[in-house]
């Protein structure tokens, strides 16, 4: 039961983290795009060259964040389902899968 419970908690945490990352990335993407557009103006990029390079790097990272968040949420959902399956499994006289009594070891 403990392993199933831990898997449920881990799956729930990853699912919530994935949803949070996705919403954060979707909400900050327009600001990153505006900053990249501003840095493409020659007058701005001449004055703020170091800042604009950091803005472009961060904009590239943010553009991949929704895909990463979806993958984290899917993995969390898989862990959640596996934890539920483990938790609801019935023990058969103390000899579950992988025990010495049924020949699997």
C-alpha atoms as a PDB file:
ATOM      1  CA  UNK A   1       0.000   0.000   0.000  1.00  0.00           C
ATOM      2  CA  UNK A   2       2.830   2.414   0.779  1.00  0.00           C
ATOM      3  CA  UNK A   3       4.351   2.212  -2.691  1.00  0.00           C
ATOM      4  CA  UNK A   4       0.964   2.811  -4.299  1.00  0.00           C
ATOM      5  CA  UNK A   5       0.290   5.752  -2.003  1.00  0.00           C
ATOM      6  CA  UNK A   6       3.665   7.308  -2.764  1.00  0.00           C
ATOM      7  CA  UNK A   7       3.094   6.858  -6.477  1.00  0.00           C
ATOM      8  CA  UNK A   8      -0.298   8.559  -6.217  1.00  0.00           C
ATOM      9  CA  UNK A   9       1.252  11.522  -4.374  1.00  0.00           C
ATOM     10  CA  UNK A  10       4.120  11.793  -6.871  1.00  0.00           C
ATOM     11  CA  UNK A  11       1.747  11.566  -9.820  1.00  0.00           C
ATOM     12  CA  UNK A  12      -0.517  14.237  -8.369  1.00  0.00           C
ATOM     13  CA  UNK A  13       2.427  16.558  -7.696  1.00  0.00           C
ATOM     14  CA  UNK A  14       3.785  16.132 -11.235  1.00  0.00           C
ATOM     15  CA  UNK A  15       0.325  16.646 -12.727  1.00  0.00           C
ATOM     16  CA  UNK A  16      -0.165  19.885 -10.780  1.00  0.00           C
ATOM     17  CA  UNK A  17       3.388  21.010 -11.621  1.00  0.00           C
ATOM     18  CA  UNK A  18       2.803  20.338 -15.336  1.00  0.00           C
ATOM     19  CA  UNK A  19      -0.447  22.311 -15.334  1.00  0.00           C
ATOM     20  CA  UNK A  20       1.224  25.183 -13.467  1.00  0.00           C
ATOM     21  CA  UNK A  21       4.186  25.224 -15.875  1.00  0.00           C
ATOM     22  CA  UNK A  22       1.855  25.212 -18.869  1.00  0.00           C
ATOM     23  CA  UNK A  23      -0.271  28.101 -17.575  1.00  0.00           C
ATOM     24  CA  UNK A  24       2.844  30.068 -16.606  1.00  0.00           C
ATOM     25  CA  UNK A  25       4.395  29.580 -20.040  1.00  0.00           C
ATOM     26  CA  UNK A  26       1.206  30.507 -21.877  1.00  0.00           C
ATOM     27  CA  UNK A  27       0.808  33.695 -19.806  1.00  0.00           C
ATOM     28  CA  UNK A  28       4.427  34.849 -20.122  1.00  0.00           C
ATOM     29  CA  UNK A  29       4.894  34.037 -23.822  1.00  0.00           C
ATOM     30  CA  UNK A  30       3.367  37.321 -25.067  1.00  0.00           C
ATOM     31  CA  UNK A  31       5.671  39.346 -22.804  1.00  0.00           C
ATOM     32  CA  UNK A  32       8.713  37.456 -24.076  1.00  0.00           C
ATOM     33  CA  UNK A  33       7.609  38.072 -27.660  1.00  0.00           C
ATOM     34  CA  UNK A  34       7.190  41.788 -27.014  1.00  0.00           C
ATOM     35  CA  UNK A  35      10.643  41.962 -25.447  1.00  0.00           C
ATOM     36  CA  UNK A  36      12.162  40.162 -28.444  1.00  0.00           C
ATOM     37  CA  UNK A  37      10.393  42.553 -30.820  1.00  0.00           C
ATOM     38  CA  UNK A  38      11.718  45.537 -28.856  1.00  0.00           C
ATOM     39  CA  UNK A  39      15.244  44.106 -28.967  1.00  0.00           C
ATOM     40  CA  UNK A  40      15.029  43.785 -32.744  1.00  0.00           C
ATOM     41  CA  UNK A  41      14.748  47.573 -33.042  1.00  0.00           C
ATOM     42  CA  UNK A  42      18.295  48.791 -33.853  1.00  0.00           C
ATOM     43  CA  UNK A  43      18.223  51.760 -31.461  1.00  0.00           C
ATOM     44  CA  UNK A  44      17.243  49.561 -28.541  1.00  0.00           C
ATOM     45  CA  UNK A  45      19.601  46.708 -29.346  1.00  0.00           C
ATOM     46  CA  UNK A  46      22.612  49.079 -29.587  1.00  0.00           C
ATOM     47  CA  UNK A  47      21.978  50.459 -26.117  1.00  0.00           C
ATOM     48  CA  UNK A  48      20.909  47.232 -24.408  1.00  0.00           C
ATOM     49  CA  UNK A  49      22.973  44.620 -26.221  1.00  0.00           C
ATOM     50  CA  UNK A  50      23.699  42.389 -23.210  1.00  0.00           C
ATOM     51  CA  UNK A  51      20.135  42.602 -21.937  1.00  0.00           C
ATOM     52  CA  UNK A  52      18.767  41.797 -25.375  1.00  0.00           C
ATOM     53  CA  UNK A  53      20.918  38.688 -25.645  1.00  0.00           C
ATOM     54  CA  UNK A  54      19.514  37.461 -22.320  1.00  0.00           C
ATOM     55  CA  UNK A  55      15.992  38.314 -23.476  1.00  0.00           C
ATOM     56  CA  UNK A  56      16.468  36.261 -26.638  1.00  0.00           C
ATOM     57  CA  UNK A  57      17.805  33.277 -24.684  1.00  0.00           C
ATOM     58  CA  UNK A  58      14.927  33.445 -22.207  1.00  0.00           C
ATOM     59  CA  UNK A  59      12.433  33.829 -25.036  1.00  0.00           C
ATOM     60  CA  UNK A  60      13.751  30.663 -26.642  1.00  0.00           C
ATOM     61  CA  UNK A  61      13.457  28.771 -23.361  1.00  0.00           C
ATOM     62  CA  UNK A  62       9.905  29.984 -22.786  1.00  0.00           C
ATOM     63  CA  UNK A  63       8.892  28.943 -26.301  1.00  0.00           C
ATOM     64  CA  UNK A  64       9.661  25.275 -25.451  1.00  0.00           C
ATOM     65  CA  UNK A  65       8.059  25.373 -22.004  1.00  0.00           C
ATOM     66  CA  UNK A  66       4.468  24.406 -22.999  1.00  0.00           C
ATOM     67  CA  UNK A  67       5.729  21.222 -24.675  1.00  0.00           C
ATOM     68  CA  UNK A  68       7.818  20.305 -21.629  1.00  0.00           C
ATOM     69  CA  UNK A  69       4.879  21.055 -19.321  1.00  0.00           C
ATOM     70  CA  UNK A  70       2.593  18.760 -21.310  1.00  0.00           C
ATOM     71  CA  UNK A  71       5.157  15.962 -21.088  1.00  0.00           C
ATOM     72  CA  UNK A  72       5.492  16.451 -17.307  1.00  0.00           C
ATOM     73  CA  UNK A  73       1.698  16.403 -16.903  1.00  0.00           C
ATOM     74  CA  UNK A  74       1.370  13.235 -19.002  1.00  0.00           C
ATOM     75  CA  UNK A  75       4.069  11.518 -16.927  1.00  0.00           C
ATOM     76  CA  UNK A  76       2.285  12.634 -13.752  1.00  0.00           C
ATOM     77  CA  UNK A  77      -0.990  11.233 -15.062  1.00  0.00           C
ATOM     78  CA  UNK A  78       0.665   7.901 -15.850  1.00  0.00           C
ATOM     79  CA  UNK A  79       2.154   7.773 -12.336  1.00  0.00           C
ATOM     80  CA  UNK A  80      -1.226   8.645 -10.842  1.00  0.00           C
ATOM     81  CA  UNK A  81      -2.972   5.836 -12.736  1.00  0.00           C
ATOM     82  CA  UNK A  82      -0.229   3.353 -11.850  1.00  0.00           C
ATOM     83  CA  UNK A  83      -0.491   4.339  -8.181  1.00  0.00           C
ATOM     84  CA  UNK A  84      -4.241   3.791  -8.238  1.00  0.00           C
ATOM     85  CA  UNK A  85      -3.757   0.397  -9.874  1.00  0.00           C
ATOM     86  CA  UNK A  86      -1.129  -0.576  -7.278  1.00  0.00           C
ATOM     87  CA  UNK A  87      -3.291   0.653  -4.387  1.00  0.00           C
ATOM     88  CA  UNK A  88      -6.401  -1.203  -5.470  1.00  0.00           C
ATOM     89  CA  UNK A  89      -4.566  -4.502  -6.122  1.00  0.00           C
ATOM     90  CA  UNK A  90      -5.590  -7.375  -3.869  1.00  0.00           C
ATOM     91  CA  UNK A  91      -3.042  -9.484  -2.058  1.00  0.00           C
ATOM     92  CA  UNK A  92      -3.554 -13.207  -2.508  1.00  0.00           C
ATOM     93  CA  UNK A  93      -2.621 -14.895   0.743  1.00  0.00           C
ATOM     94  CA  UNK A  94       0.594 -12.898   1.045  1.00  0.00           C
ATOM     95  CA  UNK A  95       1.959 -14.285  -2.209  1.00  0.00           C
ATOM     96  CA  UNK A  96       1.800 -11.437  -4.664  1.00  0.00           C
ATOM     97  CA  UNK A  97       3.700 -10.976  -7.890  1.00  0.00           C
ATOM     98  CA  UNK A  98       7.394 -11.595  -7.567  1.00  0.00           C
ATOM     99  CA  UNK A  99       7.237 -13.694  -4.445  1.00  0.00           C
ATOM    100  CA  UNK A 100       9.101 -16.953  -3.991  1.00  0.00           C
ATOM    101  CA  UNK A 101       5.941 -19.008  -3.675  1.00  0.00           C
ATOM    102  CA  UNK A 102       4.715 -18.669  -7.250  1.00  0.00           C
ATOM    103  CA  UNK A 103       8.038 -19.288  -8.980  1.00  0.00           C
ATOM    104  CA  UNK A 104       8.776 -15.691 -10.036  1.00  0.00           C
ATOM    105  CA  UNK A 105      11.826 -14.127  -8.460  1.00  0.00           C
END
